[in-house]
Amino acid sequence: MAKSNLEEGHVILVGAGPGDVGLLTLRGKDWLARADVVIYDHLVNTNMLRFASSAELIYVGKKAGYATITQNEINKLLIDSALGRKVVVRLKGGDPFIFGRGGEEVQALKEAGIRFTIVPGIPSPIGVSAYAGIPLTHRDHASTISIITGSNESGEEHLKIDWEHISTRTGTLVFLMGARKLPRIIEQLIKFKKNPDTPVAVIQWGTTSRQKTWVGTLNTIVDIATKEKIQPPTLTIIGEVVNLKSITDWYETLPLFGKTFVVTRAEEQAESFIHMLEERGAEAFLYSSIKTIPPVDWSPLDKSLEILSNYDGLIFTSVNGVHFFSQRLKEKNKDIRELKGVRIYAIGPKTEQAVRDLNIRVDTVPENYIAESLIESIGMENIEGKKFLLPRASVAREILPNTLREMGASIDVVPAYQTIRPESSESNFLNRLNEGSIDVVTFTSSSTVTNFLDRLNKEQREKLNKIIVACIGPITQKTAENYGLKVAIVPSQYTIAGLISAIETYFKK
């Protein structure tokens, strides 16, 4: 979506949802992509900020009730940014209008004559309860929901709640932000005749890989919270629906639940990998160590495109090779029909599919998705005197072209793209590395290993010794081991799907 061309400033209040990046709405994601400025809170999953790649990022969150900036200052920041004719996204956890002070911010914007838009988010009571496997309503147990804040801005000991009426309600009670005042909440409910045996669930970091749920009763939950040292952020559910968790639980039982992954592959290829990890309960964040761009010089490939019909075989070793080859073919107004009679070779199912997407038939895909296996497959043919074209990365292993030449073939190796180390923010990764909250780092090529490690100092590299290293195949594994990394996971099938399967198997041990 293109940036707004309006001359006036515009503030968009976007609900980020309860934590899971996948719960951000499509509208919210679109506005992040258009933003000039993103002003975000403490409970916003910072992985969402990758959708605002060109925006200025401003943190205004508060933690444990202590604000780094006051609400009045936030209001002024919103106004000042918008007056600069900017698209300003105010990214708030949950929904802006449910204990998010969105109403106050809108009032300030209205008074200042600033245009604003509201993008609702999934409220934490809805998202967190669903991920905890607790339905807030159920025909047999609860037909009403009461959502109550367990915090107050003034820091007063007593929450301004009508405890007598709340305690006598028969439906589900949901307390937001009430971790520190949980003893007070429980005390008041029991005081006003709430059954002490009423089930209670406290969910911490709901909808994220750090989610943890404790279940007890009004009588026992405070002791549990004290023993477990439960800290914010939490959501507390009180009512008979809590007993359904044992039946409806799903998120915390996923195979990679609670694990945090670093994905190092190119940004344009990382999204599907991240999604596959998240679908299995993991938290995955991108720390791209590789970026594909056009080659320095197109002329070697252009020269080969002029004589496509002269080749006996065309070899693709990556999806990137297919992409840049086909792109250049179109730019040079070449007819893909010139490949008629040319045998097509592809390493791996993804590369094969990329070729097929061009309506080109693939003749040979090796059993194992490495150059050595392709050499074995080609070696079964009589290739002496045959001529091959290999469009690939500017820097790559030479075993394939060298071996084919030894077998009597000629081969034109032409750069179709190059890989570089991208410029990206390191703060999120380094923070997680320093706090020891990364479980697995994944590498999908030798280049990702080299570029990743080149960005780390000696002390940071040493911390990798406590992290599980997963490599997509033996070539990448060898590169990692040459750098001194201990590789724990290598799939038998050298694909992303194979890598994820191997990771799942590893954690089942």
Protein backbone atom coordinates (compact mmCIF):
# COMPACT_ATOMS: atom_id res chain seq x y z
CA MET A 1 0.00 0.00 0.00
CA ALA A 2 1.40 3.38 -1.01
CA LYS A 3 2.09 6.10 1.50
CA SER A 4 -0.59 8.71 2.03
CA ASN A 5 -0.21 11.71 -0.26
CA LEU A 6 -2.37 13.92 1.90
CA GLU A 7 -0.70 17.17 2.89
CA GLU A 8 -2.20 17.09 6.38
CA GLY A 9 -0.90 14.93 9.18
CA HIS A 10 -2.78 11.80 10.13
CA VAL A 11 -2.69 9.72 13.34
CA ILE A 12 -3.84 6.12 13.25
CA LEU A 13 -4.52 4.34 16.53
CA VAL A 14 -3.76 0.69 15.82
CA GLY A 15 -4.59 -2.14 18.18
CA ALA A 16 -1.66 -4.56 18.07
CA GLY A 17 -3.60 -7.37 19.68
CA PRO A 18 -2.52 -9.38 22.72
CA GLY A 19 0.99 -10.36 21.58
CA ASP A 20 1.10 -12.86 18.74
CA VAL A 21 2.22 -11.08 15.57
CA GLY A 22 -0.31 -13.14 13.60
CA LEU A 23 -3.15 -11.51 15.53
CA LEU A 24 -2.35 -8.06 14.14
CA THR A 25 -5.12 -7.13 11.72
CA LEU A 26 -4.47 -6.72 8.00
CA ARG A 27 -5.55 -3.09 8.27
CA GLY A 28 -3.07 -2.53 11.08
CA LYS A 29 -0.27 -4.12 9.07
CA ASP A 30 -1.09 -1.92 6.07
CA TRP A 31 -0.90 1.24 8.15
CA LEU A 32 2.44 0.18 9.63
CA ALA A 33 3.81 -0.18 6.10
CA ARG A 34 2.64 3.37 5.32
CA ALA A 35 3.86 4.96 8.53
CA ASP A 36 6.42 7.74 8.78
CA VAL A 37 6.45 7.43 12.56
CA VAL A 38 5.45 4.54 14.86
CA ILE A 39 4.88 5.34 18.53
CA TYR A 40 4.55 2.07 20.44
CA ASP A 41 3.95 0.70 23.93
CA HIS A 42 5.71 -1.79 26.21
CA LEU A 43 3.37 -4.73 25.54
CA VAL A 44 3.59 -4.45 21.77
CA ASN A 45 5.44 -7.38 20.19
CA THR A 46 8.44 -5.67 18.61
CA ASN A 47 8.47 -8.27 15.82
CA MET A 48 5.58 -6.25 14.37
CA LEU A 49 7.88 -3.32 13.81
CA ARG A 50 9.45 -5.09 10.84
CA PHE A 51 6.29 -4.16 8.93
CA ALA A 52 7.25 -0.49 9.39
CA SER A 53 10.61 -0.78 7.68
CA SER A 54 10.88 2.89 6.70
CA ALA A 55 9.38 4.49 9.80
CA GLU A 56 10.93 6.31 12.72
CA LEU A 57 10.32 4.18 15.83
CA ILE A 58 9.56 5.85 19.16
CA TYR A 59 9.08 3.84 22.37
CA VAL A 60 6.73 5.36 24.95
CA GLY A 61 5.89 2.30 27.01
CA LYS A 62 5.75 1.82 30.71
CA LYS A 63 6.72 -1.21 32.74
CA ALA A 64 5.51 -2.27 36.15
CA GLY A 65 3.46 0.90 36.38
CA TYR A 66 6.38 3.25 35.85
CA ALA A 67 6.15 5.47 32.80
CA THR A 68 9.12 6.73 30.83
CA ILE A 69 6.85 9.42 29.44
CA THR A 70 3.54 10.79 30.72
CA GLN A 71 0.25 10.50 28.86
CA ASN A 72 0.18 14.26 28.29
CA GLU A 73 3.65 14.02 26.74
CA ILE A 74 2.48 11.18 24.50
CA ASN A 75 -0.49 13.29 23.39
CA LYS A 76 1.83 16.17 22.54
CA LEU A 77 4.17 13.83 20.66
CA LEU A 78 1.28 12.56 18.55
CA ILE A 79 0.16 16.08 17.75
CA ASP A 80 3.64 17.40 16.97
CA SER A 81 4.41 14.45 14.70
CA ALA A 82 1.15 14.85 12.82
CA LEU A 83 1.68 18.59 12.42
CA GLY A 84 4.82 17.66 10.55
CA ARG A 85 2.48 16.23 7.88
CA LYS A 86 3.40 12.72 8.77
CA VAL A 87 1.51 9.44 8.89
CA VAL A 88 1.76 8.56 12.57
CA VAL A 89 0.84 5.10 13.81
CA ARG A 90 0.09 4.87 17.53
CA LEU A 91 0.62 1.15 18.13
CA LYS A 92 -1.09 -0.04 21.32
CA GLY A 93 -1.34 -3.48 22.88
CA GLY A 94 -4.75 -5.16 22.65
CA ASP A 95 -7.44 -2.73 21.56
CA PRO A 96 -6.96 1.07 21.88
CA PHE A 97 -10.35 1.56 23.50
CA ILE A 98 -10.16 -1.19 26.13
CA PHE A 99 -8.07 0.12 29.02
CA GLY A 100 -5.66 1.50 26.44
CA ARG A 101 -6.30 5.25 26.98
CA GLY A 102 -7.12 5.51 23.30
CA GLY A 103 -10.13 7.65 24.15
CA GLU A 104 -7.91 10.21 25.88
CA GLU A 105 -5.55 10.35 22.92
CA VAL A 106 -8.41 10.82 20.48
CA GLN A 107 -9.77 13.67 22.60
CA ALA A 108 -6.40 15.42 22.46
CA LEU A 109 -6.17 14.92 18.69
CA LYS A 110 -9.71 16.20 18.19
CA GLU A 111 -9.00 19.34 20.18
CA ALA A 112 -5.84 19.96 18.15
CA GLY A 113 -7.70 19.51 14.86
CA ILE A 114 -5.64 16.45 13.89
CA ARG A 115 -7.17 13.86 11.58
CA PHE A 116 -7.33 10.40 13.15
CA THR A 117 -8.38 6.85 12.33
CA ILE A 118 -9.10 3.95 14.68
CA VAL A 119 -8.01 0.41 13.80
CA PRO A 120 -9.40 -2.01 16.41
CA GLY A 121 -7.25 -4.80 17.74
CA ILE A 122 -8.08 -8.17 19.28
CA PRO A 123 -8.54 -7.39 22.98
CA SER A 124 -6.35 -9.36 25.37
CA PRO A 125 -9.33 -10.98 27.17
CA ILE A 126 -10.41 -12.51 23.86
CA GLY A 127 -6.98 -13.47 22.51
CA VAL A 128 -5.34 -14.63 25.73
CA SER A 129 -8.29 -16.70 26.91
CA ALA A 130 -8.46 -18.41 23.49
CA TYR A 131 -4.73 -19.25 23.53
CA ALA A 132 -5.06 -20.51 27.09
CA GLY A 133 -7.83 -22.85 25.94
CA ILE A 134 -10.46 -21.24 28.18
CA PRO A 135 -13.76 -20.20 26.56
CA LEU A 136 -15.09 -17.09 28.28
CA THR A 137 -18.66 -18.20 27.70
CA HIS A 138 -20.21 -21.62 27.61
CA ARG A 139 -23.83 -22.63 27.50
CA ASP A 140 -23.44 -24.76 30.63
CA HIS A 141 -21.23 -22.44 32.69
CA ALA A 142 -21.35 -18.73 31.81
CA SER A 143 -23.57 -16.45 29.75
CA THR A 144 -21.97 -13.13 30.80
CA ILE A 145 -18.47 -11.64 30.88
CA SER A 146 -17.20 -8.85 33.09
CA ILE A 147 -13.90 -7.26 32.08
CA ILE A 148 -12.24 -5.33 34.91
CA THR A 149 -8.96 -3.50 35.21
CA GLY A 150 -6.74 -4.76 37.99
CA SER A 151 -4.60 -1.63 37.92
CA ASN A 152 -4.97 2.09 38.42
CA GLU A 153 -2.88 5.03 37.39
CA SER A 154 -2.67 6.67 40.78
CA GLY A 155 -1.06 3.71 42.48
CA GLU A 156 -3.75 3.72 45.15
CA GLU A 157 -4.05 0.57 47.18
CA HIS A 158 -7.78 0.29 46.71
CA LEU A 159 -9.14 -0.34 43.24
CA LYS A 160 -12.29 1.58 42.42
CA ILE A 161 -14.48 -1.47 41.88
CA ASP A 162 -17.98 -2.26 43.10
CA TRP A 163 -16.88 -5.51 44.74
CA GLU A 164 -20.28 -6.38 46.12
CA HIS A 165 -21.93 -6.46 42.70
CA ILE A 166 -18.92 -8.02 40.93
CA SER A 167 -18.70 -10.84 43.48
CA THR A 168 -22.31 -11.87 43.07
CA ARG A 169 -22.19 -12.16 39.28
CA THR A 170 -22.55 -15.71 37.99
CA GLY A 171 -20.64 -15.28 34.72
CA THR A 172 -16.94 -15.05 33.98
CA LEU A 173 -14.76 -12.37 35.55
CA VAL A 174 -11.66 -11.22 33.67
CA PHE A 175 -9.08 -9.00 35.38
CA LEU A 176 -6.51 -7.24 33.22
CA MET A 177 -3.14 -6.05 34.54
CA GLY A 178 -3.81 -7.36 38.01
CA ALA A 179 -0.68 -9.39 38.87
CA ARG A 180 0.52 -7.08 41.64
CA LYS A 181 -2.93 -6.60 43.12
CA LEU A 182 -4.02 -10.25 42.88
CA PRO A 183 -4.10 -10.75 46.68
CA ARG A 184 -6.31 -7.66 47.03
CA ILE A 185 -8.62 -8.82 44.25
CA ILE A 186 -9.04 -12.29 45.74
CA GLU A 187 -9.50 -10.89 49.25
CA GLN A 188 -12.35 -8.62 48.14
CA LEU A 189 -14.12 -11.29 46.11
CA ILE A 190 -14.13 -13.72 49.04
CA LYS A 191 -15.11 -10.94 51.45
CA PHE A 192 -18.22 -10.28 49.36
CA LYS A 193 -19.26 -13.94 49.33
CA LYS A 194 -17.68 -15.25 46.13
CA ASN A 195 -17.38 -19.02 46.53
CA PRO A 196 -13.76 -19.72 47.63
CA ASP A 197 -13.78 -22.86 45.48
CA THR A 198 -14.39 -20.87 42.29
CA PRO A 199 -11.77 -21.86 39.66
CA VAL A 200 -9.12 -19.28 38.75
CA ALA A 201 -6.57 -19.15 35.95
CA VAL A 202 -3.69 -16.69 35.74
CA ILE A 203 -2.09 -16.40 32.29
CA GLN A 204 1.26 -14.69 31.83
CA TRP A 205 2.50 -13.37 28.46
CA GLY A 206 -0.58 -14.75 26.75
CA THR A 207 -0.49 -15.60 22.99
CA THR A 208 3.33 -15.61 22.97
CA SER A 209 5.86 -18.43 23.25
CA ARG A 210 6.44 -17.26 26.83
CA GLN A 211 2.83 -17.97 27.75
CA LYS A 212 2.36 -19.76 31.05
CA THR A 213 -0.86 -20.65 32.82
CA TRP A 214 -1.46 -21.38 36.49
CA VAL A 215 -4.79 -22.85 37.61
CA GLY A 216 -6.21 -22.88 41.12
CA THR A 217 -9.18 -21.57 43.10
CA LEU A 218 -9.88 -18.36 44.96
CA ASN A 219 -8.60 -20.18 48.02
CA THR A 220 -5.32 -21.29 46.51
CA ILE A 221 -4.31 -18.95 43.68
CA VAL A 222 -2.53 -16.36 45.85
CA ASP A 223 -0.31 -19.03 47.40
CA ILE A 224 0.41 -20.35 43.89
CA ALA A 225 1.24 -16.86 42.63
CA THR A 226 3.57 -16.25 45.58
CA LYS A 227 5.33 -19.58 45.20
CA GLU A 228 5.73 -19.19 41.41
CA LYS A 229 6.66 -15.50 41.68
CA ILE A 230 4.19 -14.56 38.97
CA GLN A 231 5.03 -11.20 37.40
CA PRO A 232 3.23 -8.95 34.90
CA PRO A 233 1.88 -9.00 32.32
CA THR A 234 -0.96 -11.27 33.33
CA LEU A 235 -4.63 -11.82 32.73
CA THR A 236 -6.79 -13.49 35.37
CA ILE A 237 -9.92 -15.48 34.56
CA ILE A 238 -12.34 -16.38 37.35
CA GLY A 239 -15.28 -18.70 36.82
CA GLU A 240 -16.40 -22.23 36.05
CA VAL A 241 -15.17 -21.96 32.45
CA VAL A 242 -11.61 -22.39 33.78
CA ASN A 243 -12.40 -26.09 34.33
CA LEU A 244 -12.73 -26.50 30.56
CA LYS A 245 -9.03 -25.85 29.99
CA SER A 246 -8.14 -29.53 30.27
CA ILE A 247 -10.48 -30.21 27.33
CA THR A 248 -9.96 -27.18 25.11
CA ASP A 249 -6.24 -26.59 25.64
CA TRP A 250 -4.37 -26.39 22.30
CA TYR A 251 -1.68 -23.70 22.14
CA GLU A 252 0.49 -24.85 25.02
CA THR A 253 0.47 -28.39 23.58
CA LEU A 254 1.93 -27.41 20.18
CA PRO A 255 5.24 -29.17 19.38
CA LEU A 256 7.47 -26.09 19.49
CA PHE A 257 5.56 -24.13 22.13
CA GLY A 258 7.79 -22.05 24.36
CA LYS A 259 10.78 -22.09 22.02
CA THR A 260 12.32 -18.96 20.54
CA PHE A 261 13.95 -19.09 17.11
CA VAL A 262 16.19 -16.75 15.19
CA VAL A 263 15.64 -16.84 11.41
CA THR A 264 18.67 -15.62 9.49
CA ARG A 265 17.61 -16.09 5.87
CA ALA A 266 16.81 -13.28 3.45
CA GLU A 267 13.83 -11.14 4.43
CA GLU A 268 11.95 -11.84 1.20
CA GLN A 269 12.18 -15.59 1.87
CA ALA A 270 11.81 -15.60 5.65
CA GLU A 271 8.08 -14.97 6.06
CA SER A 272 6.92 -18.49 5.18
CA PHE A 273 9.59 -20.02 7.45
CA ILE A 274 8.52 -17.79 10.32
CA HIS A 275 4.88 -18.68 9.78
CA MET A 276 5.64 -22.41 9.86
CA LEU A 277 7.47 -22.02 13.17
CA GLU A 278 4.71 -19.87 14.68
CA GLU A 279 2.05 -22.36 13.63
CA ARG A 280 3.87 -24.88 15.82
CA GLY A 281 3.84 -22.62 18.87
CA ALA A 282 7.28 -21.07 18.56
CA GLU A 283 8.27 -17.44 18.68
CA ALA A 284 10.35 -16.62 15.63
CA PHE A 285 11.98 -13.33 14.82
CA LEU A 286 13.95 -12.24 11.81
CA TYR A 287 17.59 -11.31 12.06
CA SER A 288 18.35 -11.37 8.38
CA SER A 289 22.00 -11.94 7.56
CA ILE A 290 21.64 -12.12 3.81
CA LYS A 291 20.03 -10.09 1.04
CA THR A 292 19.84 -10.92 -2.64
CA ILE A 293 20.39 -8.18 -5.20
CA PRO A 294 21.17 -8.08 -8.94
CA PRO A 295 24.74 -8.87 -10.00
CA VAL A 296 27.30 -6.13 -10.47
CA ASP A 297 27.33 -6.85 -14.21
CA TRP A 298 24.46 -8.33 -16.23
CA SER A 299 26.51 -8.78 -19.39
CA PRO A 300 27.61 -12.44 -18.86
CA LEU A 301 23.99 -13.52 -18.35
CA ASP A 302 22.77 -11.30 -21.19
CA LYS A 303 25.31 -12.90 -23.52
CA SER A 304 24.02 -16.35 -22.58
CA LEU A 305 20.40 -15.30 -23.09
CA GLU A 306 21.26 -14.44 -26.71
CA ILE A 307 22.22 -18.06 -27.38
CA LEU A 308 19.79 -20.00 -25.16
CA SER A 309 18.94 -22.49 -27.87
CA ASN A 310 22.63 -23.45 -28.14
CA TYR A 311 22.62 -25.02 -24.68
CA ASP A 312 21.86 -28.66 -23.99
CA GLY A 313 21.09 -28.10 -20.33
CA LEU A 314 20.08 -25.30 -17.94
CA ILE A 315 20.85 -25.78 -14.24
CA PHE A 316 19.12 -23.97 -11.38
CA THR A 317 20.52 -24.42 -7.89
CA SER A 318 18.22 -22.01 -6.03
CA VAL A 319 14.91 -20.17 -6.17
CA ASN A 320 16.87 -16.93 -6.41
CA GLY A 321 18.60 -18.18 -9.53
CA VAL A 322 15.22 -18.90 -11.13
CA HIS A 323 13.82 -15.53 -10.08
CA PHE A 324 16.64 -13.37 -11.39
CA PHE A 325 17.04 -15.46 -14.56
CA SER A 326 13.35 -15.12 -15.45
CA GLN A 327 13.34 -11.43 -14.52
CA ARG A 328 16.25 -10.73 -16.83
CA LEU A 329 14.70 -12.83 -19.57
CA LYS A 330 11.64 -10.58 -19.53
CA GLU A 331 13.69 -7.38 -19.33
CA LYS A 332 15.62 -8.42 -22.46
CA ASN A 333 12.38 -9.32 -24.28
CA LYS A 334 13.52 -12.88 -24.79
CA ASP A 335 11.10 -15.70 -25.65
CA ILE A 336 11.01 -18.52 -23.13
CA ARG A 337 10.24 -20.85 -26.06
CA GLU A 338 13.94 -20.67 -26.89
CA LEU A 339 14.38 -23.21 -24.10
CA LYS A 340 12.62 -25.83 -26.22
CA GLY A 341 14.85 -28.88 -26.34
CA VAL A 342 17.00 -27.67 -23.45
CA ARG A 343 17.03 -30.06 -20.48
CA ILE A 344 16.20 -28.33 -17.19
CA TYR A 345 17.84 -29.38 -13.91
CA ALA A 346 16.77 -28.10 -10.48
CA ILE A 347 18.14 -28.71 -6.99
CA GLY A 348 15.31 -29.10 -4.48
CA PRO A 349 11.50 -29.04 -4.66
CA LYS A 350 11.22 -25.26 -4.07
CA THR A 351 13.53 -24.55 -6.97
CA GLU A 352 11.65 -27.07 -9.09
CA GLN A 353 8.34 -25.38 -8.26
CA ALA A 354 9.76 -21.95 -9.10
CA VAL A 355 10.69 -23.27 -12.55
CA ARG A 356 7.30 -24.91 -13.03
CA ASP A 357 5.64 -21.60 -12.11
CA LEU A 358 7.21 -20.29 -15.32
CA ASN A 359 5.41 -23.05 -17.24
CA ILE A 360 8.72 -24.79 -17.86
CA ARG A 361 9.07 -28.53 -17.41
CA VAL A 362 11.84 -29.76 -15.09
CA ASP A 363 13.62 -32.85 -16.37
CA THR A 364 15.80 -33.78 -13.39
CA VAL A 365 15.63 -33.20 -9.65
CA PRO A 366 18.28 -35.08 -7.63
CA GLU A 367 17.30 -37.30 -4.73
CA ASN A 368 19.32 -35.18 -2.30
CA TYR A 369 19.18 -31.42 -2.65
CA ILE A 370 22.89 -30.66 -2.95
CA ALA A 371 25.28 -30.20 -5.87
CA GLU A 372 26.93 -33.57 -5.29
CA SER A 373 23.63 -35.37 -5.79
CA LEU A 374 22.89 -33.44 -8.99
CA ILE A 375 26.33 -34.38 -10.31
CA GLU A 376 25.45 -38.02 -9.65
CA SER A 377 22.15 -37.65 -11.52
CA ILE A 378 23.77 -35.90 -14.50
CA GLY A 379 26.57 -38.48 -14.50
CA MET A 380 24.04 -41.13 -15.42
CA GLU A 381 23.66 -39.33 -18.75
CA ASN A 382 26.20 -39.10 -21.55
CA ILE A 383 27.20 -35.46 -21.27
CA GLU A 384 30.53 -35.47 -23.05
CA GLY A 385 30.55 -32.57 -25.49
CA LYS A 386 27.31 -31.18 -24.06
CA LYS A 387 26.97 -27.48 -23.21
CA PHE A 388 25.35 -26.27 -19.94
CA LEU A 389 24.29 -22.91 -18.53
CA LEU A 390 24.45 -22.30 -14.76
CA PRO A 391 22.94 -18.95 -13.59
CA ARG A 392 23.77 -18.64 -9.91
CA ALA A 393 25.08 -16.40 -7.14
CA SER A 394 28.25 -14.44 -7.85
CA VAL A 395 30.03 -16.41 -5.13
CA ALA A 396 29.26 -20.12 -4.82
CA ARG A 397 30.92 -23.52 -4.57
CA GLU A 398 32.78 -24.63 -7.67
CA ILE A 399 32.28 -28.37 -7.27
CA LEU A 400 29.37 -28.54 -9.74
CA PRO A 401 30.93 -26.73 -12.73
CA ASN A 402 34.38 -28.22 -12.13
CA THR A 403 33.07 -31.78 -12.00
CA LEU A 404 30.94 -31.37 -15.13
CA ARG A 405 33.99 -30.10 -16.99
CA GLU A 406 35.95 -33.13 -15.81
CA MET A 407 33.15 -35.27 -17.24
CA GLY A 408 33.70 -33.74 -20.66
CA ALA A 409 30.98 -31.09 -20.68
CA SER A 410 31.37 -27.35 -21.14
CA ILE A 411 29.53 -25.02 -18.81
CA ASP A 412 28.93 -21.28 -18.73
CA VAL A 413 28.75 -20.09 -15.12
CA VAL A 414 27.10 -16.65 -15.06
CA PRO A 415 26.18 -14.47 -12.08
CA ALA A 416 22.41 -13.98 -11.90
CA TYR A 417 22.46 -12.35 -8.46
CA GLN A 418 24.71 -11.61 -5.54
CA THR A 419 24.24 -11.92 -1.79
CA ILE A 420 25.16 -9.15 0.62
CA ARG A 421 24.80 -8.51 4.32
CA PRO A 422 21.74 -6.32 4.86
CA GLU A 423 21.54 -3.29 7.10
CA SER A 424 19.12 -4.11 9.90
CA SER A 425 18.46 -3.29 13.52
CA GLU A 426 20.37 -5.53 15.88
CA SER A 427 18.83 -4.37 19.14
CA ASN A 428 16.09 -7.01 19.41
CA PHE A 429 18.43 -9.90 18.64
CA LEU A 430 21.23 -8.65 20.90
CA ASN A 431 18.80 -8.03 23.77
CA ARG A 432 17.49 -11.58 23.50
CA LEU A 433 21.03 -12.96 23.15
CA ASN A 434 22.19 -11.12 26.27
CA GLU A 435 19.24 -12.22 28.37
CA GLY A 436 19.65 -15.84 27.23
CA SER A 437 16.12 -16.17 25.84
CA ILE A 438 17.03 -17.63 22.43
CA ASP A 439 16.63 -21.40 22.06
CA VAL A 440 17.53 -22.03 18.41
CA VAL A 441 19.32 -20.16 15.64
CA THR A 442 18.65 -21.44 12.12
CA PHE A 443 20.89 -21.28 9.06
CA THR A 444 19.67 -22.01 5.54
CA SER A 445 22.90 -21.42 3.59
CA SER A 446 26.61 -20.97 4.12
CA SER A 447 26.19 -17.26 3.40
CA THR A 448 23.75 -16.86 6.29
CA VAL A 449 26.31 -18.44 8.62
CA THR A 450 29.19 -16.23 7.44
CA ASN A 451 27.24 -12.97 7.43
CA PHE A 452 25.58 -13.74 10.77
CA LEU A 453 28.85 -14.43 12.58
CA ASP A 454 30.64 -11.48 10.97
CA ARG A 455 28.24 -9.19 12.85
CA LEU A 456 29.09 -10.63 16.27
CA ASN A 457 32.05 -9.92 18.52
CA LYS A 458 33.95 -12.62 20.41
CA GLU A 459 31.82 -12.36 23.55
CA GLN A 460 28.57 -12.59 21.55
CA ARG A 461 29.85 -15.59 19.59
CA GLU A 462 30.65 -17.39 22.82
CA LYS A 463 27.03 -17.02 23.90
CA LEU A 464 26.02 -19.06 20.87
CA ASN A 465 27.53 -22.10 22.61
CA LYS A 466 24.40 -22.20 24.80
CA ILE A 467 22.04 -22.01 21.82
CA ILE A 468 20.93 -24.90 19.62
CA VAL A 469 22.19 -24.53 16.05
CA ALA A 470 20.08 -25.92 13.20
CA CYS A 471 21.37 -26.10 9.62
CA ILE A 472 19.38 -26.92 6.50
CA GLY A 473 21.97 -29.32 5.08
CA PRO A 474 25.50 -30.73 5.32
CA ILE A 475 27.16 -27.92 3.34
CA THR A 476 25.74 -25.27 5.66
CA GLN A 477 26.60 -27.51 8.61
CA LYS A 478 30.24 -27.74 7.49
CA THR A 479 30.48 -23.95 7.21
CA ALA A 480 29.03 -23.52 10.70
CA GLU A 481 31.40 -26.11 12.17
CA ASN A 482 34.37 -24.46 10.47
CA TYR A 483 33.47 -21.37 12.50
CA GLY A 484 33.47 -23.43 15.67
CA LEU A 485 29.72 -23.81 16.08
CA LYS A 486 28.31 -27.06 17.38
CA VAL A 487 25.48 -28.05 15.04
CA ALA A 488 22.75 -30.08 16.75
CA ILE A 489 20.13 -30.35 14.00
CA VAL A 490 20.54 -31.27 10.31
CA PRO A 491 17.58 -32.76 8.41
CA SER A 492 17.82 -35.72 6.06
CA GLN A 493 15.79 -33.72 3.53
CA TYR A 494 17.47 -30.38 2.82
CA THR A 495 14.38 -28.19 2.71
CA ILE A 496 12.64 -25.80 5.10
CA ALA A 497 9.94 -28.41 5.71
CA GLY A 498 12.64 -30.99 6.38
CA LEU A 499 14.42 -28.62 8.75
CA ILE A 500 11.26 -27.96 10.75
CA SER A 501 10.53 -31.70 10.91
CA ALA A 502 14.04 -32.33 12.23
CA ILE A 503 13.61 -29.57 14.82
CA GLU A 504 10.35 -31.12 16.02
CA THR A 505 12.03 -34.53 16.30
CA TYR A 506 14.88 -32.99 18.28
CA PHE A 507 12.55 -31.51 20.89
CA LYS A 508 10.59 -34.73 21.23
CA LYS A 509 13.66 -36.46 22.66
